[in-house]
């Protein structure tokens, strides 16, 4: 289905472009927002990502890779924005802490005040755990764990080897788990 929409978009179909936009808008926005942590900036970068994607869609050689290509464009837009704002120097500082914490997807708070309190505390612990990850681990962790991309897709998006990506995701998962255990007062057996 997506491959057909991409093919139609390459032929200039505005309907196909609108449908692709609808399918990927939330994913791309969430990814961008997790990096820049600013709603207005995330909206602007997301719009620029889709503008560039549709302007250059004929350059996409294989329609099956549209989503990875779109994420690459979004990543490049994020990097360019951060460079312009001088919030980082190179990949090592891609995820600079700014005005607080790194934010993950919203936790379902339910209706009970106790549940809200516990979920809020857990979300803060998870946010801190992710915030403490080295930049390269944080980037691949967000794409793989939060955005649910395959390791191959993450490798393609960030332009690193599959082995390097797998290794960083494993390290990031381990670090996050250990941080959560430590801050929830759990021992090694989860007690």
N, C-alpha and C. Protein backbone atom coordinates (compact mmCIF):
# COMPACT_ATOMS: atom_id res chain seq x y z
N UNK A 1 0.82 -1.20 0.00
CA UNK A 1 0.00 0.00 0.00
C UNK A 1 0.86 1.26 0.00
N UNK A 2 1.84 1.34 0.92
CA UNK A 2 2.68 2.53 1.01
C UNK A 2 3.49 2.69 -0.28
N UNK A 3 4.00 1.57 -0.79
CA UNK A 3 4.78 1.64 -2.02
C UNK A 3 3.95 2.22 -3.16
N UNK A 4 2.68 1.84 -3.22
CA UNK A 4 1.79 2.36 -4.27
C UNK A 4 1.54 3.86 -4.08
N UNK A 5 1.35 4.27 -2.82
CA UNK A 5 1.15 5.70 -2.54
C UNK A 5 2.39 6.50 -2.93
N UNK A 6 3.56 5.96 -2.64
CA UNK A 6 4.81 6.64 -3.00
C UNK A 6 4.90 6.78 -4.51
N UNK A 7 4.56 5.71 -5.20
CA UNK A 7 4.61 5.75 -6.67
C UNK A 7 3.65 6.80 -7.21
N UNK A 8 2.46 6.86 -6.64
CA UNK A 8 1.49 7.87 -7.07
C UNK A 8 1.98 9.28 -6.73
N UNK A 9 2.60 9.44 -5.56
CA UNK A 9 3.15 10.75 -5.17
C UNK A 9 4.25 11.17 -6.13
N UNK A 10 5.06 10.22 -6.59
CA UNK A 10 6.11 10.52 -7.56
C UNK A 10 5.52 11.05 -8.87
N UNK A 11 4.30 10.62 -9.16
CA UNK A 11 3.61 11.07 -10.38
C UNK A 11 2.88 12.39 -10.17
N UNK A 12 2.95 12.91 -8.94
CA UNK A 12 2.36 14.21 -8.66
C UNK A 12 0.99 14.16 -7.99
N UNK A 13 0.55 13.00 -7.55
CA UNK A 13 -0.77 12.89 -6.93
C UNK A 13 -0.78 13.57 -5.56
N UNK A 14 -1.57 14.64 -5.46
CA UNK A 14 -1.69 15.33 -4.17
C UNK A 14 -2.42 14.47 -3.15
N UNK A 15 -3.37 13.66 -3.61
CA UNK A 15 -4.09 12.75 -2.72
C UNK A 15 -3.11 11.76 -2.08
N UNK A 16 -2.22 11.20 -2.87
CA UNK A 16 -1.23 10.25 -2.36
C UNK A 16 -0.31 10.94 -1.35
N UNK A 17 0.09 12.16 -1.64
CA UNK A 17 0.95 12.91 -0.72
C UNK A 17 0.22 13.17 0.60
N UNK A 18 -1.04 13.55 0.51
CA UNK A 18 -1.82 13.80 1.73
C UNK A 18 -1.97 12.53 2.56
N UNK A 19 -2.17 11.41 1.89
CA UNK A 19 -2.31 10.14 2.61
C UNK A 19 -0.99 9.74 3.27
N UNK A 20 0.12 9.92 2.57
CA UNK A 20 1.43 9.62 3.16
C UNK A 20 1.69 10.54 4.35
N UNK A 21 1.35 11.79 4.19
CA UNK A 21 1.49 12.76 5.27
C UNK A 21 0.69 12.31 6.48
N UNK A 22 -0.55 11.90 6.27
CA UNK A 22 -1.40 11.43 7.36
C UNK A 22 -0.85 10.18 8.03
N UNK A 23 -0.26 9.30 7.26
CA UNK A 23 0.28 8.05 7.81
C UNK A 23 1.52 8.27 8.67
N UNK A 24 2.33 9.26 8.30
CA UNK A 24 3.63 9.41 8.96
C UNK A 24 3.79 10.66 9.81
N UNK A 25 2.83 11.56 9.79
CA UNK A 25 2.95 12.82 10.52
C UNK A 25 3.24 12.61 12.01
N UNK A 26 2.43 11.81 12.67
CA UNK A 26 2.57 11.63 14.12
C UNK A 26 3.92 10.99 14.48
N UNK A 27 4.34 10.00 13.70
CA UNK A 27 5.62 9.33 13.97
C UNK A 27 6.79 10.31 13.86
N UNK A 28 6.79 11.05 12.77
CA UNK A 28 7.90 11.99 12.53
C UNK A 28 7.87 13.10 13.57
N UNK A 29 6.70 13.65 13.85
CA UNK A 29 6.60 14.71 14.86
C UNK A 29 7.10 14.21 16.22
N UNK A 30 6.65 13.03 16.64
CA UNK A 30 7.07 12.49 17.94
C UNK A 30 8.58 12.32 18.01
N UNK A 31 9.16 11.79 16.95
CA UNK A 31 10.63 11.63 16.91
C UNK A 31 11.31 12.99 17.05
N UNK A 32 10.89 13.95 16.25
CA UNK A 32 11.51 15.28 16.27
C UNK A 32 11.32 15.94 17.64
N UNK A 33 10.12 15.85 18.19
CA UNK A 33 9.85 16.47 19.48
C UNK A 33 10.73 15.86 20.58
N UNK A 34 10.95 14.56 20.53
CA UNK A 34 11.78 13.91 21.55
C UNK A 34 13.21 14.43 21.53
N UNK A 35 13.63 14.90 20.38
CA UNK A 35 15.00 15.42 20.27
C UNK A 35 15.06 16.90 20.63
N UNK A 36 14.17 17.70 20.06
CA UNK A 36 14.28 19.15 20.25
C UNK A 36 13.53 19.66 21.47
N UNK A 37 12.55 18.92 21.96
CA UNK A 37 11.80 19.23 23.18
C UNK A 37 11.11 20.59 23.15
N UNK A 38 10.69 21.00 21.98
CA UNK A 38 9.99 22.27 21.82
C UNK A 38 8.89 22.07 20.78
N UNK A 39 7.63 22.28 21.16
CA UNK A 39 6.50 22.01 20.27
C UNK A 39 6.56 22.80 18.96
N UNK A 40 6.78 24.09 19.06
CA UNK A 40 6.80 24.92 17.85
C UNK A 40 7.93 24.52 16.92
N UNK A 41 9.09 24.30 17.50
CA UNK A 41 10.24 23.90 16.71
C UNK A 41 10.00 22.52 16.07
N UNK A 42 9.41 21.62 16.83
CA UNK A 42 9.12 20.27 16.31
C UNK A 42 8.13 20.35 15.15
N UNK A 43 7.11 21.21 15.28
CA UNK A 43 6.13 21.37 14.21
C UNK A 43 6.80 21.91 12.95
N UNK A 44 7.65 22.91 13.14
CA UNK A 44 8.34 23.52 12.00
C UNK A 44 9.26 22.52 11.30
N UNK A 45 10.03 21.77 12.08
CA UNK A 45 10.94 20.78 11.50
C UNK A 45 10.16 19.67 10.80
N UNK A 46 9.05 19.27 11.40
CA UNK A 46 8.23 18.22 10.79
C UNK A 46 7.67 18.69 9.45
N UNK A 47 7.18 19.92 9.41
CA UNK A 47 6.66 20.46 8.16
C UNK A 47 7.76 20.55 7.10
N UNK A 48 8.93 20.99 7.51
CA UNK A 48 10.06 21.10 6.58
C UNK A 48 10.47 19.71 6.08
N UNK A 49 10.39 18.72 6.95
CA UNK A 49 10.72 17.35 6.56
C UNK A 49 9.80 16.88 5.43
N UNK A 50 8.51 17.07 5.61
CA UNK A 50 7.56 16.63 4.59
C UNK A 50 7.68 17.46 3.32
N UNK A 51 7.94 18.74 3.46
CA UNK A 51 8.13 19.59 2.28
C UNK A 51 9.31 19.06 1.45
N UNK A 52 10.43 18.82 2.12
CA UNK A 52 11.61 18.32 1.41
C UNK A 52 11.38 16.93 0.84
N UNK A 53 10.69 16.09 1.59
CA UNK A 53 10.43 14.73 1.11
C UNK A 53 9.60 14.77 -0.17
N UNK A 54 8.52 15.54 -0.18
CA UNK A 54 7.66 15.56 -1.36
C UNK A 54 8.30 16.32 -2.52
N UNK A 55 9.11 17.31 -2.21
CA UNK A 55 9.82 18.03 -3.27
C UNK A 55 10.83 17.13 -3.96
N UNK A 56 11.44 16.22 -3.18
CA UNK A 56 12.50 15.35 -3.71
C UNK A 56 12.08 13.90 -3.88
N UNK A 57 10.80 13.61 -3.83
CA UNK A 57 10.33 12.23 -3.82
C UNK A 57 10.75 11.44 -5.06
N UNK A 58 10.91 12.11 -6.17
CA UNK A 58 11.33 11.41 -7.40
C UNK A 58 12.75 10.87 -7.29
N UNK A 59 13.52 11.39 -6.35
CA UNK A 59 14.90 10.92 -6.16
C UNK A 59 14.96 9.61 -5.36
N UNK A 60 13.87 9.25 -4.71
CA UNK A 60 13.82 8.01 -3.94
C UNK A 60 13.83 6.85 -4.93
N UNK A 61 14.87 6.02 -4.85
CA UNK A 61 15.03 4.93 -5.82
C UNK A 61 14.12 3.74 -5.54
N UNK A 62 13.94 3.40 -4.26
CA UNK A 62 13.15 2.23 -3.91
C UNK A 62 12.00 2.66 -2.99
N UNK A 63 10.80 2.53 -3.48
CA UNK A 63 9.63 2.98 -2.73
C UNK A 63 9.45 2.26 -1.40
N UNK A 64 10.01 1.05 -1.26
CA UNK A 64 9.89 0.29 -0.01
C UNK A 64 10.58 1.00 1.15
N UNK A 65 11.53 1.86 0.85
CA UNK A 65 12.32 2.51 1.89
C UNK A 65 11.86 3.94 2.18
N UNK A 66 10.64 4.27 1.82
CA UNK A 66 10.12 5.62 2.03
C UNK A 66 10.21 6.04 3.50
N UNK A 67 9.78 5.17 4.41
CA UNK A 67 9.76 5.55 5.82
C UNK A 67 11.16 5.83 6.35
N UNK A 68 12.11 4.95 6.04
CA UNK A 68 13.49 5.19 6.49
C UNK A 68 14.04 6.48 5.89
N UNK A 69 13.73 6.71 4.63
CA UNK A 69 14.17 7.92 3.93
C UNK A 69 13.59 9.15 4.61
N UNK A 70 12.31 9.07 4.98
CA UNK A 70 11.64 10.17 5.66
C UNK A 70 12.30 10.46 7.02
N UNK A 71 12.62 9.41 7.77
CA UNK A 71 13.30 9.59 9.05
C UNK A 71 14.69 10.21 8.85
N UNK A 72 15.37 9.82 7.79
CA UNK A 72 16.69 10.41 7.51
C UNK A 72 16.56 11.91 7.25
N UNK A 73 15.55 12.28 6.49
CA UNK A 73 15.32 13.70 6.21
C UNK A 73 15.03 14.43 7.52
N UNK A 74 14.17 13.84 8.36
CA UNK A 74 13.84 14.46 9.65
C UNK A 74 15.09 14.60 10.51
N UNK A 75 15.90 13.57 10.55
CA UNK A 75 17.14 13.61 11.34
C UNK A 75 18.05 14.73 10.84
N UNK A 76 18.19 14.83 9.53
CA UNK A 76 19.04 15.89 8.96
C UNK A 76 18.49 17.27 9.29
N UNK A 77 17.17 17.43 9.25
CA UNK A 77 16.56 18.71 9.60
C UNK A 77 16.81 19.05 11.07
N UNK A 78 16.71 18.05 11.93
CA UNK A 78 16.99 18.25 13.35
C UNK A 78 18.44 18.69 13.53
N UNK A 79 19.36 17.98 12.90
CA UNK A 79 20.78 18.32 13.02
C UNK A 79 21.05 19.73 12.52
N UNK A 80 20.45 20.10 11.39
CA UNK A 80 20.65 21.45 10.86
C UNK A 80 20.10 22.50 11.81
N UNK A 81 18.94 22.24 12.38
CA UNK A 81 18.34 23.19 13.32
C UNK A 81 19.22 23.34 14.55
N UNK A 82 19.70 22.22 15.08
CA UNK A 82 20.54 22.28 16.27
C UNK A 82 21.87 22.98 15.97
N UNK A 83 22.40 22.76 14.79
CA UNK A 83 23.64 23.44 14.40
C UNK A 83 23.42 24.94 14.33
N UNK A 84 22.31 25.34 13.70
CA UNK A 84 22.00 26.77 13.58
C UNK A 84 21.87 27.42 14.95
N UNK A 85 21.32 26.68 15.88
CA UNK A 85 21.13 27.23 17.22
C UNK A 85 22.34 26.98 18.11
N UNK A 86 23.35 26.35 17.55
CA UNK A 86 24.61 26.09 18.26
C UNK A 86 24.37 25.36 19.58
N UNK A 87 23.43 24.40 19.53
CA UNK A 87 23.15 23.62 20.73
C UNK A 87 23.97 22.34 20.77
N UNK A 88 24.77 22.12 19.72
CA UNK A 88 25.63 20.95 19.76
C UNK A 88 26.79 21.15 18.81
N UNK A 89 27.82 20.34 19.02
CA UNK A 89 28.96 20.30 18.12
C UNK A 89 29.19 18.83 17.81
N UNK A 90 28.83 18.38 16.63
CA UNK A 90 29.02 16.99 16.25
C UNK A 90 27.98 16.06 16.86
N UNK A 91 28.05 14.79 16.47
CA UNK A 91 27.08 13.79 16.92
C UNK A 91 27.13 13.55 18.42
N UNK A 92 28.27 13.79 19.04
CA UNK A 92 28.39 13.49 20.46
C UNK A 92 27.42 14.31 21.31
N UNK A 93 27.05 15.48 20.82
CA UNK A 93 26.16 16.35 21.59
C UNK A 93 24.78 16.48 20.96
N UNK A 94 24.37 15.48 20.18
CA UNK A 94 23.11 15.54 19.47
C UNK A 94 21.94 15.78 20.41
N UNK A 95 21.96 15.20 21.59
CA UNK A 95 20.83 15.32 22.50
C UNK A 95 21.24 16.11 23.74
N UNK A 96 21.46 17.37 23.58
CA UNK A 96 21.84 18.21 24.70
C UNK A 96 20.65 18.42 25.62
N UNK A 97 20.91 18.32 26.91
CA UNK A 97 19.85 18.56 27.88
C UNK A 97 19.56 20.06 27.88
N UNK A 98 18.29 20.40 27.75
CA UNK A 98 17.93 21.80 27.69
C UNK A 98 16.62 22.01 28.43
N UNK A 99 16.61 22.99 29.31
CA UNK A 99 15.39 23.32 30.06
C UNK A 99 14.73 22.10 30.69
N UNK A 100 15.51 21.29 31.33
CA UNK A 100 14.89 20.16 32.02
C UNK A 100 15.28 18.82 31.48
N UNK A 101 14.27 18.02 31.19
CA UNK A 101 14.49 16.61 30.95
C UNK A 101 14.20 16.20 29.51
N UNK A 102 14.65 15.01 29.19
CA UNK A 102 14.32 14.34 27.96
C UNK A 102 12.95 13.70 28.16
N UNK A 103 12.02 13.91 27.24
CA UNK A 103 10.66 13.42 27.46
C UNK A 103 10.34 12.22 26.60
N UNK A 104 9.72 11.22 27.19
CA UNK A 104 9.25 10.04 26.46
C UNK A 104 7.75 10.16 26.26
N UNK A 105 7.19 9.20 25.52
CA UNK A 105 5.74 9.21 25.25
C UNK A 105 4.97 9.25 26.57
N UNK A 106 3.81 9.89 26.53
CA UNK A 106 3.00 10.06 27.75
C UNK A 106 2.60 8.71 28.34
N UNK A 107 2.60 8.65 29.64
CA UNK A 107 2.19 7.46 30.36
C UNK A 107 0.69 7.58 30.62
N UNK A 108 -0.04 6.48 30.47
CA UNK A 108 -1.47 6.48 30.78
C UNK A 108 -1.63 6.61 32.29
N UNK A 109 -2.22 7.70 32.72
CA UNK A 109 -2.29 7.98 34.15
C UNK A 109 -3.51 7.37 34.83
N UNK A 110 -4.48 6.92 34.08
CA UNK A 110 -5.66 6.32 34.70
C UNK A 110 -6.45 7.36 35.49
N UNK A 111 -7.27 6.92 36.42
CA UNK A 111 -8.09 7.86 37.17
C UNK A 111 -7.73 7.90 38.64
N UNK A 112 -7.13 6.87 39.16
CA UNK A 112 -6.81 6.80 40.58
C UNK A 112 -5.65 7.76 40.93
N UNK A 113 -5.79 8.54 42.01
CA UNK A 113 -4.71 9.43 42.42
C UNK A 113 -3.41 8.66 42.73
N UNK A 114 -3.56 7.47 43.33
CA UNK A 114 -2.37 6.66 43.63
C UNK A 114 -1.66 6.25 42.34
N UNK A 115 -2.45 5.82 41.35
CA UNK A 115 -1.88 5.42 40.07
C UNK A 115 -1.22 6.61 39.39
N UNK A 116 -1.87 7.78 39.45
CA UNK A 116 -1.28 8.97 38.85
C UNK A 116 0.07 9.28 39.49
N UNK A 117 0.13 9.19 40.78
CA UNK A 117 1.36 9.49 41.50
C UNK A 117 2.46 8.49 41.13
N UNK A 118 2.13 7.20 41.16
CA UNK A 118 3.12 6.16 40.83
C UNK A 118 3.57 6.26 39.39
N UNK A 119 2.63 6.45 38.46
CA UNK A 119 2.98 6.56 37.05
C UNK A 119 3.84 7.80 36.80
N UNK A 120 3.50 8.89 37.48
CA UNK A 120 4.30 10.12 37.33
C UNK A 120 5.71 9.93 37.81
N UNK A 121 5.87 9.25 38.94
CA UNK A 121 7.21 8.97 39.47
C UNK A 121 7.98 8.06 38.53
N UNK A 122 7.32 7.02 38.02
CA UNK A 122 7.98 6.10 37.09
C UNK A 122 8.39 6.83 35.82
N UNK A 123 7.52 7.68 35.29
CA UNK A 123 7.85 8.43 34.08
C UNK A 123 9.07 9.32 34.33
N UNK A 124 9.14 9.96 35.48
CA UNK A 124 10.30 10.80 35.79
C UNK A 124 11.57 9.98 35.86
N UNK A 125 11.49 8.80 36.45
CA UNK A 125 12.67 7.92 36.54
C UNK A 125 13.10 7.49 35.15
N UNK A 126 12.14 7.13 34.31
CA UNK A 126 12.46 6.72 32.93
C UNK A 126 13.06 7.90 32.16
N UNK A 127 12.47 9.08 32.30
CA UNK A 127 13.01 10.28 31.65
C UNK A 127 14.47 10.51 32.05
N UNK A 128 14.74 10.42 33.35
CA UNK A 128 16.11 10.63 33.83
C UNK A 128 17.05 9.56 33.30
N UNK A 129 16.58 8.32 33.27
CA UNK A 129 17.41 7.22 32.76
C UNK A 129 17.80 7.46 31.31
N UNK A 130 16.84 7.88 30.51
CA UNK A 130 17.12 8.15 29.09
C UNK A 130 18.00 9.37 28.96
N UNK A 131 17.76 10.37 29.78
CA UNK A 131 18.55 11.59 29.74
C UNK A 131 20.04 11.34 30.03
N UNK A 132 20.31 10.34 30.83
CA UNK A 132 21.69 10.05 31.22
C UNK A 132 22.45 9.21 30.19
N UNK A 133 21.76 8.70 29.19
CA UNK A 133 22.43 7.89 28.17
C UNK A 133 23.38 8.75 27.34
N UNK A 134 24.50 8.17 26.90
CA UNK A 134 25.36 8.89 25.96
C UNK A 134 24.57 9.20 24.68
N UNK A 135 24.87 10.29 24.00
CA UNK A 135 24.08 10.74 22.84
C UNK A 135 23.83 9.67 21.77
N UNK A 136 24.83 8.92 21.39
CA UNK A 136 24.63 7.92 20.33
C UNK A 136 23.70 6.81 20.80
N UNK A 137 23.82 6.41 22.06
CA UNK A 137 22.92 5.40 22.61
C UNK A 137 21.50 5.96 22.71
N UNK A 138 21.39 7.19 23.12
CA UNK A 138 20.07 7.81 23.28
C UNK A 138 19.34 7.86 21.94
N UNK A 139 20.04 8.25 20.91
CA UNK A 139 19.42 8.37 19.58
C UNK A 139 18.88 7.02 19.11
N UNK A 140 19.69 5.98 19.18
CA UNK A 140 19.23 4.67 18.69
C UNK A 140 18.19 4.06 19.61
N UNK A 141 18.28 4.34 20.92
CA UNK A 141 17.29 3.86 21.88
C UNK A 141 15.91 4.46 21.56
N UNK A 142 15.87 5.76 21.32
CA UNK A 142 14.61 6.43 21.00
C UNK A 142 14.01 5.83 19.73
N UNK A 143 14.82 5.64 18.70
CA UNK A 143 14.31 5.10 17.44
C UNK A 143 13.83 3.66 17.59
N UNK A 144 14.61 2.84 18.29
CA UNK A 144 14.27 1.41 18.39
C UNK A 144 13.20 1.13 19.43
N UNK A 145 13.32 1.70 20.60
CA UNK A 145 12.43 1.36 21.71
C UNK A 145 11.18 2.24 21.72
N UNK A 146 11.34 3.52 21.58
CA UNK A 146 10.20 4.43 21.65
C UNK A 146 9.46 4.47 20.30
N UNK A 147 10.21 4.60 19.21
CA UNK A 147 9.59 4.68 17.88
C UNK A 147 9.34 3.30 17.26
N UNK A 148 9.83 2.25 17.90
CA UNK A 148 9.59 0.86 17.45
C UNK A 148 10.14 0.55 16.06
N UNK A 149 11.30 1.12 15.73
CA UNK A 149 11.95 0.82 14.46
C UNK A 149 12.79 -0.44 14.61
N UNK A 150 12.93 -1.20 13.52
CA UNK A 150 13.79 -2.38 13.55
C UNK A 150 15.25 -1.92 13.61
N UNK A 151 16.12 -2.81 14.03
CA UNK A 151 17.53 -2.47 14.10
C UNK A 151 18.06 -2.07 12.72
N UNK A 152 17.61 -2.76 11.69
CA UNK A 152 18.05 -2.44 10.32
C UNK A 152 17.59 -1.03 9.94
N UNK A 153 16.35 -0.68 10.29
CA UNK A 153 15.85 0.66 9.99
C UNK A 153 16.65 1.72 10.75
N UNK A 154 16.94 1.45 12.01
CA UNK A 154 17.72 2.40 12.82
C UNK A 154 19.10 2.59 12.20
N UNK A 155 19.71 1.49 11.81
CA UNK A 155 21.03 1.54 11.17
C UNK A 155 21.01 2.41 9.93
N UNK A 156 19.98 2.23 9.12
CA UNK A 156 19.83 3.02 7.90
C UNK A 156 19.61 4.50 8.21
N UNK A 157 18.75 4.77 9.19
CA UNK A 157 18.43 6.17 9.53
C UNK A 157 19.64 6.92 10.06
N UNK A 158 20.41 6.30 10.97
CA UNK A 158 21.53 7.00 11.58
C UNK A 158 22.83 6.84 10.81
N UNK A 159 22.84 5.97 9.80
CA UNK A 159 24.03 5.81 8.96
C UNK A 159 25.19 5.13 9.67
N UNK A 160 24.85 4.16 10.53
CA UNK A 160 25.89 3.41 11.24
C UNK A 160 25.68 1.93 10.98
N UNK A 161 26.70 1.14 11.26
CA UNK A 161 26.60 -0.29 11.02
C UNK A 161 25.56 -0.93 11.93
N UNK A 162 24.99 -2.02 11.46
CA UNK A 162 23.99 -2.75 12.23
C UNK A 162 24.57 -3.23 13.55
N UNK A 163 25.79 -3.71 13.52
CA UNK A 163 26.44 -4.19 14.74
C UNK A 163 26.61 -3.06 15.76
N UNK A 164 27.02 -1.91 15.30
CA UNK A 164 27.19 -0.75 16.19
C UNK A 164 25.86 -0.35 16.81
N UNK A 165 24.80 -0.34 16.00
CA UNK A 165 23.47 0.03 16.48
C UNK A 165 22.98 -0.99 17.51
N UNK A 166 23.11 -2.27 17.19
CA UNK A 166 22.67 -3.33 18.12
C UNK A 166 23.40 -3.20 19.45
N UNK A 167 24.69 -2.97 19.38
CA UNK A 167 25.51 -2.84 20.58
C UNK A 167 25.06 -1.65 21.43
N UNK A 168 24.83 -0.52 20.80
CA UNK A 168 24.40 0.67 21.54
C UNK A 168 23.00 0.51 22.12
N UNK A 169 22.11 -0.15 21.39
CA UNK A 169 20.76 -0.38 21.91
C UNK A 169 20.83 -1.31 23.12
N UNK A 170 21.64 -2.35 23.03
CA UNK A 170 21.79 -3.28 24.15
C UNK A 170 22.32 -2.54 25.38
N UNK A 171 23.35 -1.74 25.18
CA UNK A 171 23.93 -0.98 26.30
C UNK A 171 22.91 0.00 26.88
N UNK A 172 22.18 0.66 26.02
CA UNK A 172 21.18 1.63 26.47
C UNK A 172 20.08 0.93 27.27
N UNK A 173 19.58 -0.18 26.76
CA UNK A 173 18.54 -0.93 27.48
C UNK A 173 19.05 -1.35 28.86
N UNK A 174 20.27 -1.86 28.90
CA UNK A 174 20.85 -2.29 30.18
C UNK A 174 20.98 -1.13 31.15
N UNK A 175 21.46 -0.01 30.65
CA UNK A 175 21.62 1.17 31.51
C UNK A 175 20.28 1.66 32.04
N UNK A 176 19.28 1.71 31.18
CA UNK A 176 17.96 2.19 31.59
C UNK A 176 17.37 1.24 32.63
N UNK A 177 17.47 -0.07 32.39
CA UNK A 177 16.94 -1.05 33.35
C UNK A 177 17.63 -0.91 34.70
N UNK A 178 18.95 -0.80 34.70
CA UNK A 178 19.70 -0.68 35.95
C UNK A 178 19.31 0.59 36.70
N UNK A 179 19.18 1.68 35.97
CA UNK A 179 18.80 2.95 36.59
C UNK A 179 17.42 2.84 37.23
N UNK A 180 16.49 2.23 36.50
CA UNK A 180 15.13 2.07 37.02
C UNK A 180 15.14 1.20 38.27
N UNK A 181 15.84 0.07 38.21
CA UNK A 181 15.92 -0.83 39.37
C UNK A 181 16.49 -0.09 40.58
N UNK A 182 17.58 0.61 40.35
CA UNK A 182 18.25 1.33 41.44
C UNK A 182 17.32 2.37 42.06
N UNK A 183 16.60 3.09 41.22
CA UNK A 183 15.75 4.18 41.72
C UNK A 183 14.40 3.72 42.23
N UNK A 184 14.04 2.49 41.95
CA UNK A 184 12.81 1.92 42.51
C UNK A 184 13.14 1.06 43.74
N UNK A 185 14.44 0.96 44.05
CA UNK A 185 14.86 0.19 45.22
C UNK A 185 14.74 -1.32 45.03
N UNK A 186 14.85 -1.78 43.79
CA UNK A 186 14.78 -3.22 43.52
C UNK A 186 16.18 -3.81 43.53
N UNK A 187 16.27 -5.06 44.01
CA UNK A 187 17.58 -5.73 43.96
C UNK A 187 17.71 -6.42 42.60
N UNK A 188 18.77 -7.15 42.41
CA UNK A 188 19.04 -7.81 41.14
C UNK A 188 17.97 -8.84 40.74
N UNK A 189 17.24 -9.37 41.71
CA UNK A 189 16.20 -10.35 41.41
C UNK A 189 14.84 -9.68 41.18
N UNK A 190 14.81 -8.36 41.17
CA UNK A 190 13.57 -7.64 40.94
C UNK A 190 12.69 -7.54 42.18
N UNK A 191 13.26 -7.82 43.35
CA UNK A 191 12.50 -7.76 44.62
C UNK A 191 12.66 -6.42 45.30
